[in-house]
PDB file of all heavy atoms in Angstrom:
ATOM      1  N   ASN A   1      74.773 112.809  93.846  1.00  0.00           N
ATOM      2  CA  ASN A   1      75.249 113.241  92.415  1.00  0.00           C
ATOM      3  C   ASN A   1      75.119 112.081  91.541  1.00  0.00           C
ATOM      4  O   ASN A   1      74.847 111.034  91.892  1.00  0.00           O
ATOM      5  CB  ASN A   1      76.763 113.558  92.547  1.00  0.00           C
ATOM      6  CG  ASN A   1      76.950 114.826  93.396  1.00  0.00           C
ATOM      7  OD1 ASN A   1      76.419 115.800  93.179  1.00  0.00           O
ATOM      8  ND2 ASN A   1      77.717 114.642  94.546  1.00  0.00           N
ATOM      9  N   PRO A   2      75.183 112.327  90.177  1.00  0.00           N
ATOM     10  CA  PRO A   2      75.142 111.266  89.241  1.00  0.00           C
ATOM     11  C   PRO A   2      76.119 110.206  89.498  1.00  0.00           C
ATOM     12  O   PRO A   2      77.226 110.446  90.150  1.00  0.00           O
ATOM     13  CB  PRO A   2      75.508 112.027  87.846  1.00  0.00           C
ATOM     14  CG  PRO A   2      74.966 113.342  88.170  1.00  0.00           C
ATOM     15  CD  PRO A   2      75.374 113.645  89.557  1.00  0.00           C
ATOM     16  N   LYS A   3      75.853 108.982  89.058  1.00  0.00           N
ATOM     17  CA  LYS A   3      76.923 107.880  89.204  1.00  0.00           C
ATOM     18  C   LYS A   3      78.278 108.353  88.556  1.00  0.00           C
ATOM     19  O   LYS A   3      78.493 108.883  87.520  1.00  0.00           O
ATOM     20  CB  LYS A   3      76.428 106.702  88.453  1.00  0.00           C
ATOM     21  CG  LYS A   3      75.262 106.043  89.179  1.00  0.00           C
ATOM     22  CD  LYS A   3      74.783 104.832  88.505  1.00  0.00           C
ATOM     23  CE  LYS A   3      73.510 104.265  89.116  1.00  0.00           C
ATOM     24  NZ  LYS A   3      73.081 102.965  88.468  1.00  0.00           N
ATOM     25  N   LEU A   4      79.333 107.958  89.400  1.00  0.00           N
ATOM     26  CA  LEU A   4      80.657 108.436  88.967  1.00  0.00           C
ATOM     27  C   LEU A   4      81.213 107.214  88.137  1.00  0.00           C
ATOM     28  O   LEU A   4      81.581 106.044  88.747  1.00  0.00           O
ATOM     29  CB  LEU A   4      81.450 108.580  90.206  1.00  0.00           C
ATOM     30  CG  LEU A   4      80.784 109.623  91.208  1.00  0.00           C
ATOM     31  CD1 LEU A   4      81.714 109.835  92.441  1.00  0.00           C
ATOM     32  CD2 LEU A   4      80.211 110.698  90.728  1.00  0.00           C
ATOM     33  N   LEU A   5      81.617 107.427  86.879  1.00  0.00           N
ATOM     34  CA  LEU A   5      81.820 106.343  86.000  1.00  0.00           C
ATOM     35  C   LEU A   5      83.327 106.299  85.848  1.00  0.00           C
ATOM     36  O   LEU A   5      83.928 106.762  84.830  1.00  0.00           O
ATOM     37  CB  LEU A   5      81.168 106.616  84.661  1.00  0.00           C
ATOM     38  CG  LEU A   5      79.692 106.698  84.816  1.00  0.00           C
ATOM     39  CD1 LEU A   5      78.965 106.919  83.490  1.00  0.00           C
ATOM     40  CD2 LEU A   5      79.156 105.363  85.385  1.00  0.00           C
ATOM     41  N   LEU A   6      84.031 105.724  86.714  1.00  0.00           N
ATOM     42  CA  LEU A   6      85.510 105.380  86.663  1.00  0.00           C
ATOM     43  C   LEU A   6      85.560 103.868  86.556  1.00  0.00           C
ATOM     44  O   LEU A   6      84.783 103.206  87.111  1.00  0.00           O
ATOM     45  CB  LEU A   6      86.345 105.964  87.803  1.00  0.00           C
ATOM     46  CG  LEU A   6      86.171 107.397  87.980  1.00  0.00           C
ATOM     47  CD1 LEU A   6      86.920 107.768  89.213  1.00  0.00           C
ATOM     48  CD2 LEU A   6      86.681 108.078  86.812  1.00  0.00           C
ATOM     49  N   SER A   7      86.698 103.347  86.019  1.00  0.00           N
ATOM     50  CA  SER A   7      86.662 101.886  85.678  1.00  0.00           C
ATOM     51  C   SER A   7      87.780 101.070  86.185  1.00  0.00           C
ATOM     52  O   SER A   7      88.100 100.181  85.499  1.00  0.00           O
ATOM     53  CB  SER A   7      86.522 101.825  84.117  1.00  0.00           C
ATOM     54  OG  SER A   7      87.611 102.367  83.516  1.00  0.00           O
ATOM     55  N   LEU A   8      88.489 101.440  87.247  1.00  0.00           N
ATOM     56  CA  LEU A   8      89.494 100.563  87.794  1.00  0.00           C
ATOM     57  C   LEU A   8      88.939  99.453  88.536  1.00  0.00           C
ATOM     58  O   LEU A   8      87.847  99.629  89.289  1.00  0.00           O
ATOM     59  CB  LEU A   8      90.496 101.372  88.628  1.00  0.00           C
ATOM     60  CG  LEU A   8      91.347 102.411  87.823  1.00  0.00           C
ATOM     61  CD1 LEU A   8      92.275 103.113  88.760  1.00  0.00           C
ATOM     62  CD2 LEU A   8      92.045 101.867  86.627  1.00  0.00           C
ATOM     63  N   ALA A   9      89.516  98.210  88.679  1.00  0.00           N
ATOM     64  CA  ALA A   9      88.867  97.101  89.267  1.00  0.00           C
ATOM     65  C   ALA A   9      88.919  97.541  90.814  1.00  0.00           C
ATOM     66  O   ALA A   9      89.873  98.072  91.463  1.00  0.00           O
ATOM     67  CB  ALA A   9      89.743  95.990  88.988  1.00  0.00           C
ATOM     68  N   LEU A  10      87.971  96.862  91.502  1.00  0.00           N
ATOM     69  CA  LEU A  10      87.860  96.926  92.992  1.00  0.00           C
ATOM     70  C   LEU A  10      88.762  95.935  93.570  1.00  0.00           C
ATOM     71  O   LEU A  10      88.789  94.610  93.132  1.00  0.00           O
ATOM     72  CB  LEU A  10      86.334  96.620  93.339  1.00  0.00           C
ATOM     73  CG  LEU A  10      86.155  96.388  94.863  1.00  0.00           C
ATOM     74  CD1 LEU A  10      86.507  97.774  95.561  1.00  0.00           C
ATOM     75  CD2 LEU A  10      84.798  96.050  95.209  1.00  0.00           C
ATOM     76  N   ALA A  11      89.481  96.138  94.604  1.00  0.00           N
ATOM     77  CA  ALA A  11      90.536  95.331  95.244  1.00  0.00           C
ATOM     78  C   ALA A  11      90.541  95.589  96.689  1.00  0.00           C
ATOM     79  O   ALA A  11      91.548  96.183  97.188  1.00  0.00           O
ATOM     80  CB  ALA A  11      91.806  95.327  94.551  1.00  0.00           C
ATOM     81  N   VAL A  12      89.628  95.117  97.395  1.00  0.00           N
ATOM     82  CA  VAL A  12      89.504  95.519  98.838  1.00  0.00           C
ATOM     83  C   VAL A  12      89.602  94.205  99.697  1.00  0.00           C
ATOM     84  O   VAL A  12      88.747  93.359  99.529  1.00  0.00           O
ATOM     85  CB  VAL A  12      88.190  96.230  99.215  1.00  0.00           C
ATOM     86  CG1 VAL A  12      88.207  96.472 100.585  1.00  0.00           C
ATOM     87  CG2 VAL A  12      88.065  97.460  98.433  1.00  0.00           C
ATOM     88  N   SER A  13      90.601  94.110 100.391  1.00  0.00           N
ATOM     89  CA  SER A  13      90.870  92.893 101.329  1.00  0.00           C
ATOM     90  C   SER A  13      91.025  93.398 102.717  1.00  0.00           C
ATOM     91  O   SER A  13      91.000  92.455 103.582  1.00  0.00           O
ATOM     92  CB  SER A  13      91.894  92.040 100.836  1.00  0.00           C
ATOM     93  OG  SER A  13      93.156  92.873 100.727  1.00  0.00           O
ATOM     94  N   ALA A  14      91.300  94.682 103.014  1.00  0.00           N
ATOM     95  CA  ALA A  14      91.508  95.107 104.348  1.00  0.00           C
ATOM     96  C   ALA A  14      91.103  96.653 104.404  1.00  0.00           C
ATOM     97  O   ALA A  14      90.662  97.138 103.300  1.00  0.00           O
ATOM     98  CB  ALA A  14      92.853  94.933 104.890  1.00  0.00           C
ATOM     99  N   GLY A  15      91.247  97.147 105.522  1.00  0.00           N
ATOM    100  CA  GLY A  15      90.923  98.622 105.611  1.00  0.00           C
ATOM    101  C   GLY A  15      91.836  99.438 104.644  1.00  0.00           C
ATOM    102  O   GLY A  15      93.109  99.193 104.548  1.00  0.00           O
ATOM    103  N   LEU A  16      91.279 100.429 103.937  1.00  0.00           N
ATOM    104  CA  LEU A  16      92.017 101.268 103.054  1.00  0.00           C
ATOM    105  C   LEU A  16      92.348 102.579 103.785  1.00  0.00           C
ATOM    106  O   LEU A  16      91.626 103.130 104.549  1.00  0.00           O
ATOM    107  CB  LEU A  16      91.244 101.553 101.710  1.00  0.00           C
ATOM    108  CG  LEU A  16      90.675 100.474 101.028  1.00  0.00           C
ATOM    109  CD1 LEU A  16      89.949 100.892  99.785  1.00  0.00           C
ATOM    110  CD2 LEU A  16      91.957  99.791 100.376  1.00  0.00           C
ATOM    111  N   SER A  17      93.474 103.137 103.462  1.00  0.00           N
ATOM    112  CA  SER A  17      93.874 104.313 104.066  1.00  0.00           C
ATOM    113  C   SER A  17      93.190 105.570 103.353  1.00  0.00           C
ATOM    114  O   SER A  17      92.629 105.367 102.336  1.00  0.00           O
ATOM    115  CB  SER A  17      95.421 104.612 103.907  1.00  0.00           C
ATOM    116  OG  SER A  17      95.706 104.718 102.672  1.00  0.00           O
ATOM    117  N   GLY A  18      93.281 106.652 103.945  1.00  0.00           N
ATOM    118  CA  GLY A  18      92.625 107.846 103.373  1.00  0.00           C
ATOM    119  C   GLY A  18      93.641 108.511 102.453  1.00  0.00           C
ATOM    120  O   GLY A  18      94.260 107.859 101.655  1.00  0.00           O
ATOM    121  N   GLY A  19      93.668 109.882 102.455  1.00  0.00           N
ATOM    122  CA  GLY A  19      94.401 110.683 101.550  1.00  0.00           C
ATOM    123  C   GLY A  19      95.876 110.164 101.434  1.00  0.00           C
ATOM    124  O   GLY A  19      96.465 109.902 102.463  1.00  0.00           O
ATOM    125  N   CYS A  20      96.353 110.144 100.249  1.00  0.00           N
ATOM    126  CA  CYS A  20      97.765 109.608 100.095  1.00  0.00           C
ATOM    127  C   CYS A  20      98.647 110.756 100.300  1.00  0.00           C
ATOM    128  O   CYS A  20      98.602 111.857  99.732  1.00  0.00           O
ATOM    129  CB  CYS A  20      97.826 109.189  98.649  1.00  0.00           C
ATOM    130  SG  CYS A  20      99.133 107.958  98.367  1.00  0.00           S
ATOM    131  N   ALA A  21      99.707 110.506 101.160  1.00  0.00           N
ATOM    132  CA  ALA A  21     100.604 111.576 101.645  1.00  0.00           C
ATOM    133  C   ALA A  21     101.478 112.150 100.459  1.00  0.00           C
ATOM    134  O   ALA A  21     101.769 113.287 100.442  1.00  0.00           O
ATOM    135  CB  ALA A  21     101.522 111.128 102.769  1.00  0.00           C
ATOM    136  N   ASN A  22     101.767 111.309  99.536  1.00  0.00           N
ATOM    137  CA  ASN A  22     102.595 111.802  98.371  1.00  0.00           C
ATOM    138  C   ASN A  22     101.847 112.152  97.143  1.00  0.00           C
ATOM    139  O   ASN A  22     102.407 112.450  96.044  1.00  0.00           O
ATOM    140  CB  ASN A  22     103.650 110.634  97.995  1.00  0.00           C
ATOM    141  CG  ASN A  22     104.596 110.203  99.193  1.00  0.00           C
ATOM    142  OD1 ASN A  22     104.958 111.209  99.869  1.00  0.00           O
ATOM    143  ND2 ASN A  22     104.821 109.010  99.342  1.00  0.00           N
ATOM    144  N   ALA A  23     100.483 112.289  97.225  1.00  0.00           N
ATOM    145  CA  ALA A  23      99.655 112.698  96.190  1.00  0.00           C
ATOM    146  C   ALA A  23      99.905 114.098  95.856  1.00  0.00           C
ATOM    147  O   ALA A  23     100.341 114.930  96.712  1.00  0.00           O
ATOM    148  CB  ALA A  23      98.273 112.418  96.454  1.00  0.00           C
ATOM    149  N   PRO A  24      99.869 114.462  94.481  1.00  0.00           N
ATOM    150  CA  PRO A  24     100.179 115.854  94.116  1.00  0.00           C
ATOM    151  C   PRO A  24      98.849 116.719  94.675  1.00  0.00           C
ATOM    152  O   PRO A  24      97.828 116.189  94.937  1.00  0.00           O
ATOM    153  CB  PRO A  24     100.260 115.948  92.669  1.00  0.00           C
ATOM    154  CG  PRO A  24      99.402 114.690  92.242  1.00  0.00           C
ATOM    155  CD  PRO A  24      99.783 113.693  93.338  1.00  0.00           C
ATOM    156  N   PRO A  25      99.139 118.044  94.656  1.00  0.00           N
ATOM    157  CA  PRO A  25      98.064 118.975  95.076  1.00  0.00           C
ATOM    158  C   PRO A  25      96.873 118.842  94.110  1.00  0.00           C
ATOM    159  O   PRO A  25      97.145 118.626  92.886  1.00  0.00           O
ATOM    160  CB  PRO A  25      98.619 120.348  95.046  1.00  0.00           C
ATOM    161  CG  PRO A  25     100.186 120.135  95.303  1.00  0.00           C
ATOM    162  CD  PRO A  25     100.474 118.913  94.512  1.00  0.00           C
ATOM    163  N   VAL A  26      95.771 119.100  94.482  1.00  0.00           N
ATOM    164  CA  VAL A  26      94.494 118.978  93.759  1.00  0.00           C
ATOM    165  C   VAL A  26      94.087 120.455  93.199  1.00  0.00           C
ATOM    166  O   VAL A  26      94.079 121.244  94.027  1.00  0.00           O
ATOM    167  CB  VAL A  26      93.256 118.418  94.549  1.00  0.00           C
ATOM    168  CG1 VAL A  26      92.028 118.389  93.753  1.00  0.00           C
ATOM    169  CG2 VAL A  26      93.771 116.988  95.102  1.00  0.00           C
ATOM    170  N   ALA A  27      93.833 120.473  91.937  1.00  0.00           N
ATOM    171  CA  ALA A  27      93.549 121.713  91.283  1.00  0.00           C
ATOM    172  C   ALA A  27      92.169 121.584  90.640  1.00  0.00           C
ATOM    173  O   ALA A  27      91.758 120.336  90.342  1.00  0.00           O
ATOM    174  CB  ALA A  27      94.633 122.130  90.401  1.00  0.00           C
ATOM    175  N   ASN A  28      91.421 122.643  90.326  1.00  0.00           N
ATOM    176  CA  ASN A  28      90.251 122.705  89.606  1.00  0.00           C
ATOM    177  C   ASN A  28      89.181 121.824  90.186  1.00  0.00           C
ATOM    178  O   ASN A  28      88.420 121.119  89.425  1.00  0.00           O
ATOM    179  CB  ASN A  28      90.486 122.280  88.121  1.00  0.00           C
ATOM    180  CG  ASN A  28      91.453 123.220  87.402  1.00  0.00           C
ATOM    181  OD1 ASN A  28      91.475 124.448  87.751  1.00  0.00           O
ATOM    182  ND2 ASN A  28      92.477 122.652  86.676  1.00  0.00           N
ATOM    183  N   ALA A  29      88.972 121.702  91.449  1.00  0.00           N
ATOM    184  CA  ALA A  29      88.060 120.960  92.129  1.00  0.00           C
ATOM    185  C   ALA A  29      86.756 121.761  92.423  1.00  0.00           C
ATOM    186  O   ALA A  29      86.717 122.879  92.569  1.00  0.00           O
ATOM    187  CB  ALA A  29      88.492 120.436  93.636  1.00  0.00           C
ATOM    188  N   GLN A  30      85.735 121.057  92.154  1.00  0.00           N
ATOM    189  CA  GLN A  30      84.250 121.694  92.409  1.00  0.00           C
ATOM    190  C   GLN A  30      83.459 120.877  93.405  1.00  0.00           C
ATOM    191  O   GLN A  30      83.227 119.686  92.959  1.00  0.00           O
ATOM    192  CB  GLN A  30      83.634 121.900  90.980  1.00  0.00           C
ATOM    193  CG  GLN A  30      84.166 122.790  90.076  1.00  0.00           C
ATOM    194  CD  GLN A  30      83.321 123.169  88.845  1.00  0.00           C
ATOM    195  OE1 GLN A  30      82.403 122.384  88.706  1.00  0.00           O
ATOM    196  NE2 GLN A  30      83.752 123.987  87.997  1.00  0.00           N
ATOM    197  N   ILE A  31      82.997 121.583  94.465  1.00  0.00           N
ATOM    198  CA  ILE A  31      82.197 120.780  95.429  1.00  0.00           C
ATOM    199  C   ILE A  31      80.830 120.679  94.879  1.00  0.00           C
ATOM    200  O   ILE A  31      80.051 121.725  94.537  1.00  0.00           O
ATOM    201  CB  ILE A  31      82.205 121.347  96.771  1.00  0.00           C
ATOM    202  CG1 ILE A  31      83.546 121.118  97.384  1.00  0.00           C
ATOM    203  CG2 ILE A  31      81.181 120.827  97.549  1.00  0.00           C
ATOM    204  CD1 ILE A  31      83.743 121.888  98.737  1.00  0.00           C
ATOM    205  N   SER A  32      80.260 119.451  94.539  1.00  0.00           N
ATOM    206  CA  SER A  32      78.929 119.146  94.108  1.00  0.00           C
ATOM    207  C   SER A  32      77.903 118.766  95.160  1.00  0.00           C
ATOM    208  O   SER A  32      76.725 118.641  94.891  1.00  0.00           O
ATOM    209  CB  SER A  32      78.953 118.143  93.064  1.00  0.00           C
ATOM    210  OG  SER A  32      79.647 116.969  93.407  1.00  0.00           O
ATOM    211  N   GLU A  33      78.483 118.309  96.404  1.00  0.00           N
ATOM    212  CA  GLU A  33      77.502 117.989  97.543  1.00  0.00           C
ATOM    213  C   GLU A  33      78.331 118.314  98.814  1.00  0.00           C
ATOM    214  O   GLU A  33      79.542 118.039  98.897  1.00  0.00           O
ATOM    215  CB  GLU A  33      77.288 116.448  97.430  1.00  0.00           C
ATOM    216  CG  GLU A  33      76.406 116.007  98.608  1.00  0.00           C
ATOM    217  CD  GLU A  33      76.155 114.514  98.664  1.00  0.00           C
ATOM    218  OE1 GLU A  33      76.549 113.795  97.542  1.00  0.00           O
ATOM    219  OE2 GLU A  33      75.649 113.910  99.583  1.00  0.00           O
ATOM    220  N   ILE A  34      77.486 118.807  99.656  1.00  0.00           N
ATOM    221  CA  ILE A  34      78.168 119.283 100.987  1.00  0.00           C
ATOM    222  C   ILE A  34      77.169 118.874 102.250  1.00  0.00           C
ATOM    223  O   ILE A  34      75.984 118.834 101.960  1.00  0.00           O
ATOM    224  CB  ILE A  34      78.435 120.683 101.087  1.00  0.00           C
ATOM    225  CG1 ILE A  34      79.242 121.080 102.263  1.00  0.00           C
ATOM    226  CG2 ILE A  34      77.155 121.536 100.976  1.00  0.00           C
ATOM    227  CD1 ILE A  34      79.831 122.525 102.268  1.00  0.00           C
ATOM    228  N   LYS A  35      77.753 118.422 103.225  1.00  0.00           N
ATOM    229  CA  LYS A  35      77.029 118.058 104.440  1.00  0.00           C
ATOM    230  C   LYS A  35      77.811 118.511 105.625  1.00  0.00           C
ATOM    231  O   LYS A  35      78.780 117.927 106.085  1.00  0.00           O
ATOM    232  CB  LYS A  35      76.720 116.545 104.610  1.00  0.00           C
ATOM    233  CG  LYS A  35      76.009 116.127 105.701  1.00  0.00           C
ATOM    234  CD  LYS A  35      74.501 116.642 105.841  1.00  0.00           C
ATOM    235  CE  LYS A  35      73.693 116.199 106.891  1.00  0.00           C
ATOM    236  NZ  LYS A  35      73.445 114.698 106.979  1.00  0.00           N
ATOM    237  N   MET A  36      77.362 119.656 106.157  1.00  0.00           N
ATOM    238  CA  MET A  36      78.006 120.312 107.346  1.00  0.00           C
ATOM    239  C   MET A  36      77.270 119.878 108.661  1.00  0.00           C
ATOM    240  O   MET A  36      75.962 119.927 108.713  1.00  0.00           O
ATOM    241  CB  MET A  36      78.131 121.737 107.298  1.00  0.00           C
ATOM    242  CG  MET A  36      79.010 122.269 106.059  1.00  0.00           C
ATOM    243  SD  MET A  36      80.710 121.782 106.189  1.00  0.00           S
ATOM    244  CE  MET A  36      81.301 122.638 107.554  1.00  0.00           C
ATOM    245  N   PHE A  37      77.888 119.417 109.685  1.00  0.00           N
ATOM    246  CA  PHE A  37      77.244 119.054 110.990  1.00  0.00           C
ATOM    247  C   PHE A  37      77.230 120.153 111.921  1.00  0.00           C
ATOM    248  O   PHE A  37      76.522 120.101 112.914  1.00  0.00           O
ATOM    249  CB  PHE A  37      77.897 117.750 111.409  1.00  0.00           C
ATOM    250  CG  PHE A  37      77.396 116.522 110.595  1.00  0.00           C
ATOM    251  CD1 PHE A  37      78.203 116.322 109.422  1.00  0.00           C
ATOM    252  CD2 PHE A  37      76.364 115.809 110.960  1.00  0.00           C
ATOM    253  CE1 PHE A  37      77.961 115.149 108.785  1.00  0.00           C
ATOM    254  CE2 PHE A  37      76.130 114.790 110.064  1.00  0.00           C
ATOM    255  CZ  PHE A  37      76.884 114.388 109.007  1.00  0.00           C
ATOM    256  N   ASN A  38      78.097 121.103 111.867  1.00  0.00           N
ATOM    257  CA  ASN A  38      78.144 122.365 112.740  1.00  0.00           C
ATOM    258  C   ASN A  38      79.024 123.314 111.948  1.00  0.00           C
ATOM    259  O   ASN A  38      79.389 123.092 110.750  1.00  0.00           O
ATOM    260  CB  ASN A  38      78.743 121.996 114.046  1.00  0.00           C
ATOM    261  CG  ASN A  38      80.250 121.416 113.857  1.00  0.00           C
ATOM    262  OD1 ASN A  38      81.105 121.949 113.284  1.00  0.00           O
ATOM    263  ND2 ASN A  38      80.415 120.108 114.478  1.00  0.00           N
ATOM    264  N   PRO A  39      79.242 124.482 112.227  1.00  0.00           N
ATOM    265  CA  PRO A  39      79.887 125.569 111.445  1.00  0.00           C
ATOM    266  C   PRO A  39      81.199 125.258 111.093  1.00  0.00           C
ATOM    267  O   PRO A  39      81.814 125.864 110.123  1.00  0.00           O
ATOM    268  CB  PRO A  39      79.822 126.865 112.424  1.00  0.00           C
ATOM    269  CG  PRO A  39      78.568 126.666 113.185  1.00  0.00           C
ATOM    270  CD  PRO A  39      78.551 125.205 113.555  1.00  0.00           C
ATOM    271  N   ARG A  40      81.854 124.244 111.738  1.00  0.00           N
ATOM    272  CA  ARG A  40      83.289 124.001 111.427  1.00  0.00           C
ATOM    273  C   ARG A  40      83.347 122.505 110.750  1.00  0.00           C
ATOM    274  O   ARG A  40      84.301 122.419 109.794  1.00  0.00           O
ATOM    275  CB  ARG A  40      84.198 123.859 112.781  1.00  0.00           C
ATOM    276  CG  ARG A  40      84.155 125.327 113.284  1.00  0.00           C
ATOM    277  CD  ARG A  40      85.267 125.431 114.489  1.00  0.00           C
ATOM    278  NE  ARG A  40      86.628 125.115 113.995  1.00  0.00           N
ATOM    279  CZ  ARG A  40      87.363 126.014 113.364  1.00  0.00           C
ATOM    280  NH1 ARG A  40      86.869 127.310 113.283  1.00  0.00           N
ATOM    281  NH2 ARG A  40      88.489 125.717 113.065  1.00  0.00           N
TER     282      ARG A  40
END
């Protein structure tokens, strides 16, 4: 996909966690790239 132009500073000093447990539900999402390795 095209470059994703967000502008918060990078601050990586250790492993980052994945999805945030307290994050609100995601709405109006559109999948622009997919890579399936098997039917599931």
